[in-house]
Amino acid sequence: MEKKGTQELHPAGVMAGIEKDLRYISGIIKQKGREILSQYTITPPQFIALQWLFEAGDMTIGELSNKMYLACSTTTDLVDRMEKNELVMRVKDENDRRVVRIHLLKEGERIIEEVIKKRQHYLNEVLIDFSQEEVEQLSKGLNRLHNEMK
């Protein structure tokens, strides 16, 4: 093992395997998510936008654009379509009337909650043969990995 400062780096083969597994898992989850979304009238980018609003609350087009790594013009078009479908609405900021925030409406919230429940149900089915301890270890490991990556 190679050393970095006082810590040893992990073997390259192990890291390659972890990266590959995470990439494959991500792809499978993304595909399953799209299958679930096909039952709704929203696109995957709209779902991602709704999810950000659900988790982070109201935000401006610029803030949402940054979260989604999209141009403001693209995000504006996305919000226009979601507003037309009554998933979100634009509201003036209470502190600064020049600022417009995107607010998640009940229908958008309902869709997010339903899709997330379906995703969780799918994951539960995949993990059915895992013991409670294995599921808890997986959860802790993924949570730690996520926190280290932030």
Protein backbone atom coordinates (compact mmCIF):
# COMPACT_ATOMS: atom_id res chain seq x y z
CA MET A 1 0.00 0.00 0.00
CA GLU A 2 1.12 3.52 -0.81
CA LYS A 3 1.30 6.10 1.99
CA LYS A 4 -0.30 9.55 1.96
CA GLY A 5 1.03 11.56 4.84
CA THR A 6 0.61 9.20 7.78
CA GLN A 7 -2.31 7.29 6.25
CA GLU A 8 -1.98 4.34 3.91
CA LEU A 9 -3.91 4.46 0.64
CA HIS A 10 -6.01 1.45 -0.25
CA PRO A 11 -4.98 -0.97 -3.03
CA ALA A 12 -5.80 0.26 -6.55
CA GLY A 13 -7.63 -2.97 -7.41
CA VAL A 14 -10.00 -2.58 -4.47
CA MET A 15 -10.67 1.06 -5.38
CA ALA A 16 -11.30 0.10 -9.00
CA GLY A 17 -13.84 -2.48 -7.85
CA ILE A 18 -15.63 -0.03 -5.54
CA GLU A 19 -15.75 2.63 -8.25
CA LYS A 20 -17.11 0.14 -10.77
CA ASP A 21 -19.75 -1.20 -8.36
CA LEU A 22 -20.88 2.32 -7.45
CA ARG A 23 -21.08 3.28 -11.13
CA TYR A 24 -23.13 0.19 -11.97
CA ILE A 25 -25.40 0.63 -8.93
CA SER A 26 -25.93 4.27 -9.86
CA GLY A 27 -26.85 3.28 -13.42
CA ILE A 28 -29.31 0.64 -12.25
CA ILE A 29 -30.95 3.04 -9.79
CA LYS A 30 -31.16 5.71 -12.49
CA GLN A 31 -32.80 3.26 -14.91
CA LYS A 32 -35.26 2.01 -12.27
CA GLY A 33 -36.04 5.62 -11.38
CA ARG A 34 -36.83 6.36 -15.03
CA GLU A 35 -39.13 3.31 -15.19
CA ILE A 36 -41.00 4.59 -12.13
CA LEU A 37 -41.13 8.13 -13.57
CA SER A 38 -42.61 6.84 -16.82
CA GLN A 39 -45.87 6.38 -14.88
CA TYR A 40 -45.99 10.16 -14.33
CA THR A 41 -46.24 13.18 -16.59
CA ILE A 42 -42.85 14.60 -15.62
CA THR A 43 -39.40 14.21 -17.15
CA PRO A 44 -36.28 13.10 -15.23
CA PRO A 45 -34.89 16.70 -15.13
CA GLN A 46 -38.24 17.93 -13.77
CA PHE A 47 -38.10 15.22 -11.11
CA ILE A 48 -34.60 16.30 -10.11
CA ALA A 49 -35.76 19.93 -9.86
CA LEU A 50 -38.78 18.93 -7.77
CA GLN A 51 -36.56 16.83 -5.55
CA TRP A 52 -34.23 19.78 -4.89
CA LEU A 53 -37.20 21.98 -4.01
CA PHE A 54 -38.64 19.23 -1.80
CA GLU A 55 -35.37 18.79 0.09
CA ALA A 56 -34.01 22.35 0.17
CA GLY A 57 -37.17 24.47 0.03
CA ASP A 58 -37.89 27.47 -2.15
CA MET A 59 -35.02 28.75 -4.27
CA THR A 60 -34.33 31.11 -7.12
CA ILE A 61 -33.83 30.00 -10.72
CA GLY A 62 -30.11 30.72 -10.30
CA GLU A 63 -29.85 28.58 -7.17
CA LEU A 64 -31.76 25.73 -8.80
CA SER A 65 -29.60 26.05 -11.94
CA ASN A 66 -26.45 25.70 -9.83
CA LYS A 67 -27.79 22.64 -8.00
CA MET A 68 -28.72 20.96 -11.30
CA TYR A 69 -25.62 22.11 -13.24
CA LEU A 70 -27.84 23.66 -15.92
CA ALA A 71 -27.85 27.04 -17.64
CA CYS A 72 -30.35 29.51 -16.18
CA SER A 73 -32.22 29.61 -19.51
CA THR A 74 -32.63 25.82 -19.46
CA THR A 75 -33.84 25.91 -15.86
CA THR A 76 -36.28 28.72 -16.71
CA ASP A 77 -37.81 26.55 -19.47
CA LEU A 78 -38.00 23.62 -17.06
CA VAL A 79 -39.75 25.75 -14.42
CA ASP A 80 -42.13 27.18 -17.04
CA ARG A 81 -43.30 23.67 -17.93
CA MET A 82 -43.61 22.65 -14.28
CA GLU A 83 -45.55 25.81 -13.49
CA LYS A 84 -47.90 25.12 -16.41
CA ASN A 85 -48.53 21.63 -14.95
CA GLU A 86 -49.17 23.16 -11.51
CA LEU A 87 -46.21 21.44 -9.86
CA VAL A 88 -44.49 24.68 -8.81
CA MET A 89 -45.22 28.37 -8.72
CA ARG A 90 -43.12 31.51 -8.77
CA VAL A 91 -43.42 33.66 -5.67
CA LYS A 92 -41.89 37.04 -4.85
CA ASP A 93 -39.42 37.00 -1.98
CA GLU A 94 -40.92 38.62 1.13
CA ASN A 95 -37.70 40.51 1.90
CA ASP A 96 -36.82 41.60 -1.62
CA ARG A 97 -39.66 41.90 -4.16
CA ARG A 98 -37.13 41.81 -7.03
CA VAL A 99 -36.25 38.21 -6.13
CA VAL A 100 -38.52 35.45 -7.40
CA ARG A 101 -38.41 32.04 -5.76
CA ILE A 102 -39.70 28.74 -7.06
CA HIS A 103 -42.16 27.14 -4.64
CA LEU A 104 -43.15 23.47 -4.69
CA LEU A 105 -46.94 22.97 -4.87
CA LYS A 106 -48.94 20.08 -3.37
CA GLU A 107 -49.06 18.14 -6.68
CA GLY A 108 -45.28 18.35 -7.06
CA GLU A 109 -44.84 17.25 -3.46
CA ARG A 110 -47.27 14.35 -3.96
CA ILE A 111 -45.34 13.11 -7.01
CA ILE A 112 -42.00 13.32 -5.21
CA GLU A 113 -43.32 11.43 -2.19
CA GLU A 114 -44.90 8.70 -4.35
CA VAL A 115 -41.81 8.20 -6.50
CA ILE A 116 -39.51 8.11 -3.47
CA LYS A 117 -41.76 5.51 -1.79
CA LYS A 118 -41.68 3.39 -4.95
CA ARG A 119 -37.88 3.67 -5.11
CA GLN A 120 -37.62 2.67 -1.45
CA HIS A 121 -39.95 -0.29 -2.07
CA TYR A 122 -37.72 -1.39 -4.97
CA LEU A 123 -34.61 -1.13 -2.77
CA ASN A 124 -36.36 -3.09 -0.02
CA GLU A 125 -37.08 -5.87 -2.53
CA VAL A 126 -33.45 -5.91 -3.68
CA LEU A 127 -32.23 -6.16 -0.06
CA ILE A 128 -34.78 -8.79 1.00
CA ASP A 129 -32.12 -11.50 1.44
CA PHE A 130 -29.80 -9.22 3.45
CA SER A 131 -29.84 -9.57 7.23
CA GLN A 132 -30.83 -6.57 9.35
CA GLU A 133 -27.19 -6.25 10.38
CA GLU A 134 -26.01 -6.22 6.74
CA VAL A 135 -28.57 -3.54 5.86
CA GLU A 136 -27.48 -1.42 8.84
CA GLN A 137 -23.78 -1.83 7.90
CA LEU A 138 -24.55 -0.88 4.30
CA SER A 139 -26.50 2.17 5.48
CA LYS A 140 -23.71 3.30 7.80
CA GLY A 141 -21.04 2.76 5.15
CA LEU A 142 -22.94 4.65 2.45
CA ASN A 143 -23.75 7.46 4.87
CA ARG A 144 -20.10 7.78 5.84
CA LEU A 145 -19.00 7.72 2.19
CA HIS A 146 -21.54 10.43 1.36
CA ASN A 147 -20.37 12.60 4.26
CA GLU A 148 -16.71 12.22 3.23
CA MET A 149 -17.58 13.26 -0.32
CA LYS A 150 -19.41 16.45 0.72
